[in-house]
PDB file of N, CA and C in Angstrom:
ATOM      1  N   MET A   1      14.520  -4.935  -7.438  1.00  0.00           N
ATOM      2  CA  MET A   1      15.775  -3.753  -6.558  1.00  0.00           C
ATOM      3  C   MET A   1      16.678  -4.967  -6.018  1.00  0.00           C
ATOM      4  N   GLN A   2      17.341  -4.187  -5.616  1.00  0.00           N
ATOM      5  CA  GLN A   2      19.043  -5.382  -5.328  1.00  0.00           C
ATOM      6  C   GLN A   2      19.228  -4.476  -4.136  1.00  0.00           C
ATOM      7  N   VAL A   3      19.465  -5.276  -3.182  1.00  0.00           N
ATOM      8  CA  VAL A   3      20.499  -4.755  -1.911  1.00  0.00           C
ATOM      9  C   VAL A   3      21.561  -6.076  -1.340  1.00  0.00           C
ATOM     10  N   ALA A   4      22.752  -5.350  -1.298  1.00  0.00           N
ATOM     11  CA  ALA A   4      23.722  -6.651  -1.466  1.00  0.00           C
ATOM     12  C   ALA A   4      23.661  -7.505  -2.230  1.00  0.00           C
ATOM     13  N   ASP A   5      23.997  -8.860  -2.212  1.00  0.00           N
ATOM     14  CA  ASP A   5      23.290 -10.322  -2.646  1.00  0.00           C
ATOM     15  C   ASP A   5      22.289 -10.745  -3.090  1.00  0.00           C
ATOM     16  N   LEU A   6      21.012  -9.496  -2.489  1.00  0.00           N
ATOM     17  CA  LEU A   6      19.927 -10.060  -2.755  1.00  0.00           C
ATOM     18  C   LEU A   6      19.029  -9.172  -3.981  1.00  0.00           C
ATOM     19  N   VAL A   7      18.108 -10.251  -4.509  1.00  0.00           N
ATOM     20  CA  VAL A   7      17.682  -9.617  -5.600  1.00  0.00           C
ATOM     21  C   VAL A   7      16.152  -9.765  -5.347  1.00  0.00           C
ATOM     22  N   ILE A   8      15.219  -8.496  -4.437  1.00  0.00           N
ATOM     23  CA  ILE A   8      13.915  -8.076  -3.986  1.00  0.00           C
ATOM     24  C   ILE A   8      13.050  -7.638  -4.826  1.00  0.00           C
ATOM     25  N   THR A   9      12.340  -8.784  -5.348  1.00  0.00           N
ATOM     26  CA  THR A   9      10.858  -8.342  -6.636  1.00  0.00           C
ATOM     27  C   THR A   9       9.736  -7.966  -5.180  1.00  0.00           C
ATOM     28  N   PRO A  10       8.914  -7.173  -5.587  1.00  0.00           N
ATOM     29  CA  PRO A  10       7.766  -6.747  -4.486  1.00  0.00           C
ATOM     30  C   PRO A  10       6.797  -7.539  -5.512  1.00  0.00           C
ATOM     31  N   PHE A  11       5.274  -8.009  -5.153  1.00  0.00           N
ATOM     32  CA  PHE A  11       4.196  -7.830  -5.749  1.00  0.00           C
ATOM     33  C   PHE A  11       2.962  -7.242  -4.967  1.00  0.00           C
ATOM     34  N   GLN A  12       2.264  -6.301  -5.387  1.00  0.00           N
ATOM     35  CA  GLN A  12       1.156  -6.071  -4.932  1.00  0.00           C
ATOM     36  C   GLN A  12      -0.064  -6.804  -4.639  1.00  0.00           C
ATOM     37  N   VAL A  13      -0.208  -7.019  -3.686  1.00  0.00           N
ATOM     38  CA  VAL A  13      -1.079  -8.149  -3.757  1.00  0.00           C
ATOM     39  C   VAL A  13      -2.781  -7.425  -2.651  1.00  0.00           C
ATOM     40  N   VAL A  14      -3.476  -8.211  -1.941  1.00  0.00           N
ATOM     41  CA  VAL A  14      -4.669  -7.994  -1.786  1.00  0.00           C
ATOM     42  C   VAL A  14      -4.827  -7.740   0.056  1.00  0.00           C
ATOM     43  N   HIS A  15      -4.447  -6.484   0.723  1.00  0.00           N
ATOM     44  CA  HIS A  15      -4.504  -6.583   2.026  1.00  0.00           C
ATOM     45  C   HIS A  15      -5.377  -4.690   2.310  1.00  0.00           C
ATOM     46  N   ALA A  16      -6.002  -4.801   3.714  1.00  0.00           N
ATOM     47  CA  ALA A  16      -6.418  -3.136   3.489  1.00  0.00           C
ATOM     48  C   ALA A  16      -5.623  -3.011   4.859  1.00  0.00           C
ATOM     49  N   SER A  17      -4.546  -2.130   4.499  1.00  0.00           N
ATOM     50  CA  SER A  17      -3.005  -1.739   5.475  1.00  0.00           C
ATOM     51  C   SER A  17      -2.692  -0.273   5.258  1.00  0.00           C
ATOM     52  N   GLY A  18      -3.246   0.391   4.848  1.00  0.00           N
ATOM     53  CA  GLY A  18      -3.011   2.129   4.629  1.00  0.00           C
ATOM     54  C   GLY A  18      -1.840   2.486   3.863  1.00  0.00           C
ATOM     55  N   ALA A  19      -0.767   1.351   3.304  1.00  0.00           N
ATOM     56  CA  ALA A  19      -0.044   1.721   2.391  1.00  0.00           C
ATOM     57  C   ALA A  19      -0.315   0.160   1.250  1.00  0.00           C
ATOM     58  N   PRO A  20       0.421   0.010  -0.132  1.00  0.00           N
ATOM     59  CA  PRO A  20       0.331  -0.837  -0.261  1.00  0.00           C
ATOM     60  C   PRO A  20       0.803  -1.896   0.037  1.00  0.00           C
ATOM     61  N   PRO A  21       0.157  -3.395  -0.085  1.00  0.00           N
ATOM     62  CA  PRO A  21       0.524  -4.190   0.598  1.00  0.00           C
ATOM     63  C   PRO A  21       1.575  -5.443  -0.288  1.00  0.00           C
ATOM     64  N   TYR A  22       2.522  -5.827   0.128  1.00  0.00           N
ATOM     65  CA  TYR A  22       3.234  -6.578  -1.127  1.00  0.00           C
ATOM     66  C   TYR A  22       3.503  -7.945  -0.647  1.00  0.00           C
ATOM     67  N   ALA A  23       3.780  -8.688  -1.900  1.00  0.00           N
ATOM     68  CA  ALA A  23       4.438 -10.010  -1.318  1.00  0.00           C
ATOM     69  C   ALA A  23       6.062  -9.739  -1.422  1.00  0.00           C
ATOM     70  N   LEU A  24       6.835 -10.815  -1.548  1.00  0.00           N
ATOM     71  CA  LEU A  24       7.897 -10.961  -1.709  1.00  0.00           C
ATOM     72  C   LEU A  24       8.701 -11.591  -2.338  1.00  0.00           C
ATOM     73  N   ARG A  25       9.432 -11.547  -3.485  1.00  0.00           N
ATOM     74  CA  ARG A  25      10.167 -12.981  -3.314  1.00  0.00           C
ATOM     75  C   ARG A  25      11.240 -12.346  -3.937  1.00  0.00           C
ATOM     76  N   VAL A  26      12.398 -12.846  -2.874  1.00  0.00           N
ATOM     77  CA  VAL A  26      13.921 -13.000  -2.189  1.00  0.00           C
ATOM     78  C   VAL A  26      14.671 -13.317  -2.852  1.00  0.00           C
ATOM     79  N   GLU A  27      15.817 -13.005  -3.754  1.00  0.00           N
ATOM     80  CA  GLU A  27      16.634 -14.335  -4.311  1.00  0.00           C
ATOM     81  C   GLU A  27      18.182 -14.040  -4.033  1.00  0.00           C
ATOM     82  N   CYS A  28      18.693 -14.840  -3.755  1.00  0.00           N
ATOM     83  CA  CYS A  28      19.981 -15.294  -3.264  1.00  0.00           C
ATOM     84  C   CYS A  28      20.915 -16.244  -3.700  1.00  0.00           C
ATOM     85  N   GLN A  29      22.358 -16.195  -4.248  1.00  0.00           N
ATOM     86  CA  GLN A  29      23.070 -17.772  -4.243  1.00  0.00           C
ATOM     87  C   GLN A  29      22.150 -18.461  -4.912  1.00  0.00           C
ATOM     88  N   GLY A  30      21.381 -18.088  -6.438  1.00  0.00           N
ATOM     89  CA  GLY A  30      20.887 -19.669  -6.392  1.00  0.00           C
ATOM     90  C   GLY A  30      19.399 -19.649  -5.652  1.00  0.00           C
ATOM     91  N   LYS A  31      19.214 -19.226  -4.715  1.00  0.00           N
ATOM     92  CA  LYS A  31      17.727 -19.448  -3.968  1.00  0.00           C
ATOM     93  C   LYS A  31      16.754 -18.768  -3.930  1.00  0.00           C
ATOM     94  N   VAL A  32      15.799 -19.166  -3.789  1.00  0.00           N
ATOM     95  CA  VAL A  32      14.506 -18.013  -3.731  1.00  0.00           C
ATOM     96  C   VAL A  32      13.408 -18.523  -2.847  1.00  0.00           C
ATOM     97  N   ILE A  33      13.573 -17.353  -1.763  1.00  0.00           N
ATOM     98  CA  ILE A  33      12.205 -17.689  -1.052  1.00  0.00           C
ATOM     99  C   ILE A  33      11.353 -16.430  -1.306  1.00  0.00           C
ATOM    100  N   ALA A  34      10.010 -17.004  -1.045  1.00  0.00           N
ATOM    101  CA  ALA A  34       8.967 -15.927  -1.523  1.00  0.00           C
ATOM    102  C   ALA A  34       7.920 -15.700  -0.230  1.00  0.00           C
ATOM    103  N   TYR A  35       7.357 -14.884  -0.027  1.00  0.00           N
ATOM    104  CA  TYR A  35       7.010 -14.409   1.095  1.00  0.00           C
ATOM    105  C   TYR A  35       5.429 -13.926   0.637  1.00  0.00           C
ATOM    106  N   SER A  36       4.266 -14.298   1.276  1.00  0.00           N
ATOM    107  CA  SER A  36       2.710 -14.350   0.431  1.00  0.00           C
ATOM    108  C   SER A  36       2.565 -12.544   1.391  1.00  0.00           C
ATOM    109  N   GLY A  37       2.962 -11.883   2.629  1.00  0.00           N
ATOM    110  CA  GLY A  37       2.784 -11.188   3.316  1.00  0.00           C
ATOM    111  C   GLY A  37       0.991 -11.560   4.135  1.00  0.00           C
ATOM    112  N   ASP A  38       0.519 -10.592   4.155  1.00  0.00           N
ATOM    113  CA  ASP A  38      -0.949 -10.689   4.283  1.00  0.00           C
ATOM    114  C   ASP A  38      -2.093 -10.383   3.151  1.00  0.00           C
ATOM    115  N   THR A  39      -2.630 -11.156   2.527  1.00  0.00           N
ATOM    116  CA  THR A  39      -3.240 -11.164   1.398  1.00  0.00           C
ATOM    117  C   THR A  39      -4.827 -12.014   1.362  1.00  0.00           C
ATOM    118  N   GLU A  40      -5.767 -11.921   1.169  1.00  0.00           N
ATOM    119  CA  GLU A  40      -6.693 -12.886   0.368  1.00  0.00           C
ATOM    120  C   GLU A  40      -6.309 -13.640  -1.040  1.00  0.00           C
ATOM    121  N   TRP A  41      -6.950 -14.592  -1.083  1.00  0.00           N
ATOM    122  CA  TRP A  41      -6.538 -14.807  -2.610  1.00  0.00           C
ATOM    123  C   TRP A  41      -6.133 -14.236  -3.759  1.00  0.00           C
ATOM    124  N   THR A  42      -5.328 -14.334  -4.351  1.00  0.00           N
ATOM    125  CA  THR A  42      -5.168 -13.427  -5.890  1.00  0.00           C
ATOM    126  C   THR A  42      -4.063 -14.490  -6.603  1.00  0.00           C
ATOM    127  N   ASP A  43      -4.124 -14.410  -7.803  1.00  0.00           N
ATOM    128  CA  ASP A  43      -3.424 -14.778  -8.573  1.00  0.00           C
ATOM    129  C   ASP A  43      -2.064 -14.342  -8.650  1.00  0.00           C
ATOM    130  N   THR A  44      -1.992 -13.495  -8.195  1.00  0.00           N
ATOM    131  CA  THR A  44      -0.832 -12.694  -8.200  1.00  0.00           C
ATOM    132  C   THR A  44       0.664 -13.443  -7.187  1.00  0.00           C
ATOM    133  N   LEU A  45      -0.122 -14.202  -6.486  1.00  0.00           N
ATOM    134  CA  LEU A  45       1.005 -15.417  -5.135  1.00  0.00           C
ATOM    135  C   LEU A  45       1.038 -16.362  -6.244  1.00  0.00           C
ATOM    136  N   ILE A  46       0.939 -16.701  -7.407  1.00  0.00           N
ATOM    137  CA  ILE A  46       1.304 -17.996  -8.712  1.00  0.00           C
ATOM    138  C   ILE A  46       2.897 -17.061  -9.162  1.00  0.00           C
ATOM    139  N   ALA A  47       2.419 -16.100  -9.259  1.00  0.00           N
ATOM    140  CA  ALA A  47       3.575 -15.588  -9.999  1.00  0.00           C
ATOM    141  C   ALA A  47       5.181 -15.484  -8.627  1.00  0.00           C
ATOM    142  N   VAL A  48       4.203 -15.025  -7.708  1.00  0.00           N
ATOM    143  CA  VAL A  48       5.606 -14.778  -6.516  1.00  0.00           C
ATOM    144  C   VAL A  48       5.755 -16.182  -6.278  1.00  0.00           C
ATOM    145  N   ALA A  49       5.330 -17.022  -5.922  1.00  0.00           N
ATOM    146  CA  ALA A  49       5.848 -18.282  -6.114  1.00  0.00           C
ATOM    147  C   ALA A  49       6.361 -19.542  -6.876  1.00  0.00           C
ATOM    148  N   GLN A  50       6.093 -19.304  -7.889  1.00  0.00           N
ATOM    149  CA  GLN A  50       6.478 -19.732  -8.765  1.00  0.00           C
ATOM    150  C   GLN A  50       7.965 -19.926  -8.861  1.00  0.00           C
ATOM    151  N   GLY A  51       8.390 -21.368  -9.114  1.00  0.00           N
ATOM    152  CA  GLY A  51       9.732 -21.841  -9.113  1.00  0.00           C
ATOM    153  C   GLY A  51      10.485 -21.736  -7.877  1.00  0.00           C
ATOM    154  N   ALA A  52       9.945 -20.788  -6.749  1.00  0.00           N
ATOM    155  CA  ALA A  52      10.676 -20.649  -5.273  1.00  0.00           C
ATOM    156  C   ALA A  52      11.140 -22.290  -4.820  1.00  0.00           C
ATOM    157  N   ASN A  53      11.977 -21.830  -4.404  1.00  0.00           N
ATOM    158  CA  ASN A  53      12.707 -22.991  -3.227  1.00  0.00           C
ATOM    159  C   ASN A  53      12.035 -22.882  -1.833  1.00  0.00           C
ATOM    160  N   LEU A  54      11.258 -21.917  -1.700  1.00  0.00           N
ATOM    161  CA  LEU A  54      10.390 -21.985  -0.304  1.00  0.00           C
ATOM    162  C   LEU A  54       9.234 -20.816  -0.699  1.00  0.00           C
ATOM    163  N   PHE A  55       8.356 -21.095   0.045  1.00  0.00           N
ATOM    164  CA  PHE A  55       7.200 -20.328  -0.071  1.00  0.00           C
ATOM    165  C   PHE A  55       6.373 -19.702   1.262  1.00  0.00           C
ATOM    166  N   ILE A  56       6.799 -18.916   1.709  1.00  0.00           N
ATOM    167  CA  ILE A  56       5.913 -18.845   2.999  1.00  0.00           C
ATOM    168  C   ILE A  56       5.021 -18.115   2.652  1.00  0.00           C
ATOM    169  N   CYS A  57       3.939 -18.674   3.397  1.00  0.00           N
ATOM    170  CA  CYS A  57       2.180 -18.281   3.506  1.00  0.00           C
ATOM    171  C   CYS A  57       1.198 -18.206   4.701  1.00  0.00           C
ATOM    172  N   GLU A  58       0.946 -16.842   4.559  1.00  0.00           N
ATOM    173  CA  GLU A  58      -0.081 -17.183   5.544  1.00  0.00           C
ATOM    174  C   GLU A  58      -1.503 -17.746   5.189  1.00  0.00           C
ATOM    175  N   ALA A  59      -1.957 -18.290   6.488  1.00  0.00           N
ATOM    176  CA  ALA A  59      -2.974 -19.090   6.680  1.00  0.00           C
ATOM    177  C   ALA A  59      -4.106 -18.965   7.493  1.00  0.00           C
ATOM    178  N   TYR A  60      -4.843 -18.013   7.539  1.00  0.00           N
ATOM    179  CA  TYR A  60      -5.063 -17.520   8.901  1.00  0.00           C
ATOM    180  C   TYR A  60      -5.817 -18.127   9.310  1.00  0.00           C
ATOM    181  N   TYR A  61      -6.870 -18.783   8.449  1.00  0.00           N
ATOM    182  CA  TYR A  61      -8.150 -19.763   9.014  1.00  0.00           C
ATOM    183  C   TYR A  61      -8.506 -21.024   8.535  1.00  0.00           C
ATOM    184  N   TYR A  62      -8.616 -22.070   8.975  1.00  0.00           N
ATOM    185  CA  TYR A  62      -8.783 -23.126   8.705  1.00  0.00           C
ATOM    186  C   TYR A  62      -9.680 -23.501   7.555  1.00  0.00           C
ATOM    187  N   ASP A  63     -11.097 -23.019   7.459  1.00  0.00           N
ATOM    188  CA  ASP A  63     -11.625 -23.174   6.414  1.00  0.00           C
ATOM    189  C   ASP A  63     -12.514 -21.732   5.919  1.00  0.00           C
ATOM    190  N   LYS A  64     -12.073 -20.906   7.128  1.00  0.00           N
ATOM    191  CA  LYS A  64     -13.236 -19.577   6.966  1.00  0.00           C
ATOM    192  C   LYS A  64     -12.759 -18.944   6.288  1.00  0.00           C
ATOM    193  N   LYS A  65     -13.661 -18.247   5.138  1.00  0.00           N
ATOM    194  CA  LYS A  65     -13.144 -17.049   4.186  1.00  0.00           C
ATOM    195  C   LYS A  65     -12.946 -15.536   4.765  1.00  0.00           C
ATOM    196  N   MET A  66     -12.166 -14.686   5.269  1.00  0.00           N
ATOM    197  CA  MET A  66     -12.315 -13.636   5.190  1.00  0.00           C
ATOM    198  C   MET A  66     -11.772 -12.934   4.860  1.00  0.00           C
ATOM    199  N   LYS A  67     -11.913 -11.804   4.511  1.00  0.00           N
ATOM    200  CA  LYS A  67     -11.143 -10.439   3.311  1.00  0.00           C
ATOM    201  C   LYS A  67      -9.804 -10.253   4.382  1.00  0.00           C
ATOM    202  N   TYR A  68      -8.810 -10.109   3.213  1.00  0.00           N
ATOM    203  CA  TYR A  68      -7.272  -9.810   3.120  1.00  0.00           C
ATOM    204  C   TYR A  68      -6.724 -10.987   3.900  1.00  0.00           C
ATOM    205  N   HIS A  69      -7.021 -11.972   3.565  1.00  0.00           N
ATOM    206  CA  HIS A  69      -6.343 -13.043   4.334  1.00  0.00           C
ATOM    207  C   HIS A  69      -6.690 -14.429   3.779  1.00  0.00           C
ATOM    208  N   LEU A  70      -5.920 -15.289   3.886  1.00  0.00           N
ATOM    209  CA  LEU A  70      -6.021 -16.798   3.271  1.00  0.00           C
ATOM    210  C   LEU A  70      -6.317 -17.561   4.320  1.00  0.00           C
ATOM    211  N   ASP A  71      -7.151 -18.890   3.914  1.00  0.00           N
ATOM    212  CA  ASP A  71      -7.444 -19.705   4.598  1.00  0.00           C
ATOM    213  C   ASP A  71      -6.692 -21.053   3.948  1.00  0.00           C
ATOM    214  N   TYR A  72      -6.170 -22.037   4.418  1.00  0.00           N
ATOM    215  CA  TYR A  72      -6.238 -23.325   4.454  1.00  0.00           C
ATOM    216  C   TYR A  72      -6.609 -24.025   3.073  1.00  0.00           C
ATOM    217  N   TYR A  73      -7.953 -24.054   3.729  1.00  0.00           N
ATOM    218  CA  TYR A  73      -8.711 -24.598   1.965  1.00  0.00           C
ATOM    219  C   TYR A  73      -7.828 -24.095   0.919  1.00  0.00           C
ATOM    220  N   THR A  74      -8.377 -22.487   0.830  1.00  0.00           N
ATOM    221  CA  THR A  74      -8.175 -21.559  -0.505  1.00  0.00           C
ATOM    222  C   THR A  74      -6.834 -22.208  -0.952  1.00  0.00           C
ATOM    223  N   LEU A  75      -5.801 -21.999   0.021  1.00  0.00           N
ATOM    224  CA  LEU A  75      -4.364 -22.320  -0.255  1.00  0.00           C
ATOM    225  C   LEU A  75      -4.325 -23.960  -1.006  1.00  0.00           C
ATOM    226  N   MET A  76      -4.660 -24.719  -0.257  1.00  0.00           N
ATOM    227  CA  MET A  76      -4.474 -25.640  -0.377  1.00  0.00           C
ATOM    228  C   MET A  76      -5.074 -26.109  -1.962  1.00  0.00           C
ATOM    229  N   ALA A  77      -6.227 -25.578  -2.158  1.00  0.00           N
ATOM    230  CA  ALA A  77      -6.875 -25.619  -3.638  1.00  0.00           C
ATOM    231  C   ALA A  77      -6.046 -24.953  -4.697  1.00  0.00           C
ATOM    232  N   HIS A  78      -5.302 -24.150  -4.482  1.00  0.00           N
ATOM    233  CA  HIS A  78      -4.351 -23.824  -4.960  1.00  0.00           C
ATOM    234  C   HIS A  78      -3.278 -24.017  -4.807  1.00  0.00           C
ATOM    235  N   ARG A  79      -2.431 -25.177  -4.541  1.00  0.00           N
ATOM    236  CA  ARG A  79      -1.384 -25.477  -4.553  1.00  0.00           C
ATOM    237  C   ARG A  79      -0.332 -25.722  -5.127  1.00  0.00           C
ATOM    238  N   ASP A  80      -1.201 -26.526  -6.329  1.00  0.00           N
ATOM    239  CA  ASP A  80      -0.061 -27.391  -7.584  1.00  0.00           C
ATOM    240  C   ASP A  80       0.247 -26.068  -8.301  1.00  0.00           C
ATOM    241  N   ALA A  81      -1.098 -25.002  -8.594  1.00  0.00           N
ATOM    242  CA  ALA A  81      -0.703 -23.443  -9.368  1.00  0.00           C
ATOM    243  C   ALA A  81       0.671 -23.339  -9.101  1.00  0.00           C
ATOM    244  N   LEU A  82       0.662 -23.114  -8.044  1.00  0.00           N
ATOM    245  CA  LEU A  82       1.944 -22.370  -7.022  1.00  0.00           C
ATOM    246  C   LEU A  82       2.525 -22.554  -7.608  1.00  0.00           C
ATOM    247  N   GLY A  83       3.194 -23.769  -8.002  1.00  0.00           N
ATOM    248  CA  GLY A  83       4.567 -24.119  -8.388  1.00  0.00           C
ATOM    249  C   GLY A  83       6.428 -23.877  -7.572  1.00  0.00           C
ATOM    250  N   CYS A  84       5.763 -24.088  -5.956  1.00  0.00           N
ATOM    251  CA  CYS A  84       7.493 -23.977  -5.142  1.00  0.00           C
ATOM    252  C   CYS A  84       7.592 -25.128  -4.431  1.00  0.00           C
ATOM    253  N   LYS A  85       8.361 -25.056  -4.489  1.00  0.00           N
ATOM    254  CA  LYS A  85       9.453 -26.559  -4.300  1.00  0.00           C
ATOM    255  C   LYS A  85       8.792 -26.504  -2.783  1.00  0.00           C
ATOM    256  N   ARG A  86       8.292 -26.266  -1.668  1.00  0.00           N
ATOM    257  CA  ARG A  86       8.521 -26.209  -0.506  1.00  0.00           C
ATOM    258  C   ARG A  86       7.658 -24.894  -0.349  1.00  0.00           C
ATOM    259  N   LEU A  87       6.435 -25.437   0.439  1.00  0.00           N
ATOM    260  CA  LEU A  87       5.222 -24.549   1.336  1.00  0.00           C
ATOM    261  C   LEU A  87       5.059 -24.849   2.068  1.00  0.00           C
ATOM    262  N   ILE A  88       5.590 -23.332   3.329  1.00  0.00           N
ATOM    263  CA  ILE A  88       5.270 -23.428   4.753  1.00  0.00           C
ATOM    264  C   ILE A  88       4.278 -22.471   5.280  1.00  0.00           C
ATOM    265  N   MET A  89       3.244 -22.625   6.058  1.00  0.00           N
ATOM    266  CA  MET A  89       2.329 -21.820   6.295  1.00  0.00           C
ATOM    267  C   MET A  89       2.312 -21.130   7.819  1.00  0.00           C
ATOM    268  N   THR A  90       2.227 -19.938   7.715  1.00  0.00           N
ATOM    269  CA  THR A  90       2.617 -19.073   9.125  1.00  0.00           C
ATOM    270  C   THR A  90       1.069 -18.081   9.134  1.00  0.00           C
ATOM    271  N   HIS A  91       1.316 -17.258  10.121  1.00  0.00           N
ATOM    272  CA  HIS A  91       0.429 -16.423  10.724  1.00  0.00           C
ATOM    273  C   HIS A  91      -0.671 -17.209  10.660  1.00  0.00           C
ATOM    274  N   MET A  92      -1.138 -18.445  11.511  1.00  0.00           N
ATOM    275  CA  MET A  92      -2.338 -19.118  11.787  1.00  0.00           C
ATOM    276  C   MET A  92      -2.797 -18.772  13.107  1.00  0.00           C
ATOM    277  N   ASN A  93      -4.011 -18.488  13.160  1.00  0.00           N
ATOM    278  CA  ASN A  93      -5.152 -18.030  14.525  1.00  0.00           C
ATOM    279  C   ASN A  93      -5.454 -19.386  14.962  1.00  0.00           C
ATOM    280  N   ASP A  94      -5.890 -19.508  16.156  1.00  0.00           N
ATOM    281  CA  ASP A  94      -6.756 -20.118  16.973  1.00  0.00           C
ATOM    282  C   ASP A  94      -7.712 -21.253  16.138  1.00  0.00           C
ATOM    283  N   ASP A  95      -8.302 -20.807  15.299  1.00  0.00           N
ATOM    284  CA  ASP A  95      -8.809 -21.660  14.279  1.00  0.00           C
ATOM    285  C   ASP A  95      -8.083 -22.779  13.967  1.00  0.00           C
ATOM    286  N   LEU A  96      -7.101 -22.326  12.796  1.00  0.00           N
ATOM    287  CA  LEU A  96      -6.156 -23.162  11.856  1.00  0.00           C
ATOM    288  C   LEU A  96      -5.355 -23.869  12.832  1.00  0.00           C
ATOM    289  N   LEU A  97      -5.067 -23.237  14.295  1.00  0.00           N
ATOM    290  CA  LEU A  97      -3.609 -24.472  14.937  1.00  0.00           C
ATOM    291  C   LEU A  97      -4.192 -25.418  15.375  1.00  0.00           C
ATOM    292  N   SER A  98      -6.013 -24.867  16.197  1.00  0.00           N
ATOM    293  CA  SER A  98      -6.863 -26.625  16.741  1.00  0.00           C
ATOM    294  C   SER A  98      -7.098 -27.257  15.699  1.00  0.00           C
ATOM    295  N   GLN A  99      -6.763 -27.393  14.514  1.00  0.00           N
ATOM    296  CA  GLN A  99      -6.707 -28.108  13.185  1.00  0.00           C
ATOM    297  C   GLN A  99      -5.485 -28.753  12.535  1.00  0.00           C
ATOM    298  N   LEU A 100      -4.811 -28.550  12.708  1.00  0.00           N
ATOM    299  CA  LEU A 100      -3.539 -29.434  12.834  1.00  0.00           C
ATOM    300  C   LEU A 100      -3.383 -30.531  12.413  1.00  0.00           C
ATOM    301  N   GLU A 101      -3.888 -31.137  13.024  1.00  0.00           N
ATOM    302  CA  GLU A 101      -3.905 -32.642  12.746  1.00  0.00           C
ATOM    303  C   GLU A 101      -4.684 -32.893  11.444  1.00  0.00           C
ATOM    304  N   ASN A 102      -5.338 -31.793  10.683  1.00  0.00           N
ATOM    305  CA  ASN A 102      -6.264 -32.377   9.886  1.00  0.00           C
ATOM    306  C   ASN A 102      -5.576 -31.044   8.754  1.00  0.00           C
ATOM    307  N   VAL A 103      -3.858 -30.958   8.781  1.00  0.00           N
ATOM    308  CA  VAL A 103      -3.671 -30.097   7.780  1.00  0.00           C
ATOM    309  C   VAL A 103      -2.566 -31.451   6.713  1.00  0.00           C
ATOM    310  N   ASP A 104      -2.691 -30.733   6.043  1.00  0.00           N
ATOM    311  CA  ASP A 104      -1.290 -31.896   4.926  1.00  0.00           C
ATOM    312  C   ASP A 104      -0.594 -30.840   4.224  1.00  0.00           C
ATOM    313  N   ALA A 105       0.242 -30.061   5.296  1.00  0.00           N
ATOM    314  CA  ALA A 105       1.214 -28.894   4.792  1.00  0.00           C
ATOM    315  C   ALA A 105       2.254 -28.830   5.754  1.00  0.00           C
ATOM    316  N   GLU A 106       3.165 -28.034   5.592  1.00  0.00           N
ATOM    317  CA  GLU A 106       3.956 -28.135   6.409  1.00  0.00           C
ATOM    318  C   GLU A 106       3.334 -26.556   7.442  1.00  0.00           C
ATOM    319  N   TYR A 107       4.241 -26.094   8.499  1.00  0.00           N
ATOM    320  CA  TYR A 107       3.717 -24.925   9.111  1.00  0.00           C
ATOM    321  C   TYR A 107       4.812 -24.365  10.282  1.00  0.00           C
ATOM    322  N   ALA A 108       5.004 -23.337  10.731  1.00  0.00           N
ATOM    323  CA  ALA A 108       5.958 -22.765  11.133  1.00  0.00           C
ATOM    324  C   ALA A 108       5.428 -22.442  12.703  1.00  0.00           C
ATOM    325  N   GLU A 109       6.055 -22.430  13.675  1.00  0.00           N
ATOM    326  CA  GLU A 109       5.514 -21.985  15.120  1.00  0.00           C
ATOM    327  C   GLU A 109       6.513 -21.367  15.354  1.00  0.00           C
ATOM    328  N   ASP A 110       6.657 -20.447  16.544  1.00  0.00           N
ATOM    329  CA  ASP A 110       7.178 -19.379  16.939  1.00  0.00           C
ATOM    330  C   ASP A 110       8.764 -20.279  17.060  1.00  0.00           C
ATOM    331  N   GLY A 111       9.764 -19.333  16.749  1.00  0.00           N
ATOM    332  CA  GLY A 111      11.061 -20.395  17.201  1.00  0.00           C
ATOM    333  C   GLY A 111      11.548 -21.208  16.051  1.00  0.00           C
ATOM    334  N   THR A 112      11.014 -21.319  15.060  1.00  0.00           N
ATOM    335  CA  THR A 112      10.884 -22.334  13.510  1.00  0.00           C
ATOM    336  C   THR A 112      12.253 -22.270  12.937  1.00  0.00           C
ATOM    337  N   CYS A 113      13.113 -22.602  12.754  1.00  0.00           N
ATOM    338  CA  CYS A 113      14.096 -22.861  11.845  1.00  0.00           C
ATOM    339  C   CYS A 113      14.268 -23.477  10.745  1.00  0.00           C
ATOM    340  N   ILE A 114      14.612 -22.909   9.608  1.00  0.00           N
ATOM    341  CA  ILE A 114      14.214 -23.327   8.120  1.00  0.00           C
ATOM    342  C   ILE A 114      15.477 -23.603   7.117  1.00  0.00           C
ATOM    343  N   ASN A 115      16.022 -24.512   7.227  1.00  0.00           N
ATOM    344  CA  ASN A 115      17.293 -24.766   6.080  1.00  0.00           C
ATOM    345  C   ASN A 115      16.688 -24.472   4.805  1.00  0.00           C
ATOM    346  N   VAL A 116      16.740 -23.438   3.457  1.00  0.00           N
ATOM    347  CA  VAL A 116      16.379 -23.637   2.378  1.00  0.00           C
ATOM    348  C   VAL A 116      17.830 -24.441   1.457  1.00  0.00           C
TER     349      VAL A 116
END
């Protein structure tokens, strides 16, 4: 789908939301930003993130598995396959926030500004 200068590609992911859940890939002026939305691990995320300048991905827990959400350990296990240039985690709960000193990835906090 094209909106002005943006090319937006939705990818269905795995989350119970009452409506189809999507990850998004947004292309603009030669840059690609990908966003996971809420989802458990699915290989669809590889297609979403592949070659993206920035992949913003949820990581709800540090290592606890929870249906419909990702955890840091699962995300890092697939890090190389994602093929994105930069990965930033978001949608972290207190479990992951309390473990940030053990995290080997960028993460966004409220008010974070990112240059792509």
